[in-house]
Amino acid sequence: MESRFTLIFLTDGVTFVLHEFHVFIDHLFNLKFAVKELERSAKRC
């Protein structure tokens, strides 16, 4: 019984960490894209 609880707890933790990591990567990509757009508009001026 206790091992099953530990397993659920671990999988929940891993899922959470993976989700947070995925969100972090998404933010990084968005930042890179935003910087590229800023550089592009700066060159236009």
Protein backbone atom coordinates (compact mmCIF):
# COMPACT_ATOMS: atom_id res chain seq x y z
CA MET A 1 0.00 0.00 0.00
CA GLU A 2 2.70 2.46 1.01
CA SER A 3 4.86 1.67 -2.03
CA ARG A 4 1.90 2.40 -4.31
CA PHE A 5 1.44 5.79 -2.66
CA THR A 6 5.15 6.52 -3.10
CA LEU A 7 4.93 5.56 -6.77
CA ILE A 8 1.93 7.87 -7.35
CA PHE A 9 3.74 10.67 -5.52
CA LEU A 10 6.87 10.16 -7.65
CA THR A 11 4.99 10.06 -10.97
CA ASP A 12 3.06 13.20 -9.96
CA GLY A 13 6.33 14.92 -9.12
CA VAL A 14 7.98 13.87 -12.40
CA THR A 15 4.93 14.97 -14.40
CA PHE A 16 4.94 18.33 -12.63
CA VAL A 17 8.67 18.86 -13.23
CA LEU A 18 8.35 17.89 -16.90
CA HIS A 19 5.44 20.29 -17.31
CA GLU A 20 7.33 23.14 -15.64
CA PHE A 21 10.38 22.39 -17.81
CA HIS A 22 8.22 22.41 -20.95
CA VAL A 23 6.69 25.77 -19.98
CA PHE A 24 10.19 27.14 -19.31
CA ILE A 25 11.40 26.00 -22.75
CA ASP A 26 8.32 27.60 -24.35
CA HIS A 27 9.13 30.89 -22.61
CA LEU A 28 12.72 30.70 -23.85
CA PHE A 29 11.57 30.20 -27.44
CA ASN A 30 9.09 33.07 -27.11
CA LEU A 31 11.85 35.31 -25.78
CA LYS A 32 14.16 34.43 -28.67
CA PHE A 33 11.34 35.12 -31.13
CA ALA A 34 10.54 38.45 -29.45
CA VAL A 35 14.19 39.51 -29.59
CA LYS A 36 14.36 38.63 -33.30
CA GLU A 37 11.20 40.67 -33.94
CA LEU A 38 12.66 43.62 -32.00
CA GLU A 39 15.89 43.48 -34.01
CA ARG A 40 13.88 43.30 -37.23
CA SER A 41 11.79 46.37 -36.34
CA ALA A 42 14.92 48.20 -35.17
CA LYS A 43 16.55 47.65 -38.57
CA ARG A 44 13.42 49.01 -40.27
CA CYS A 45 13.66 52.35 -38.44
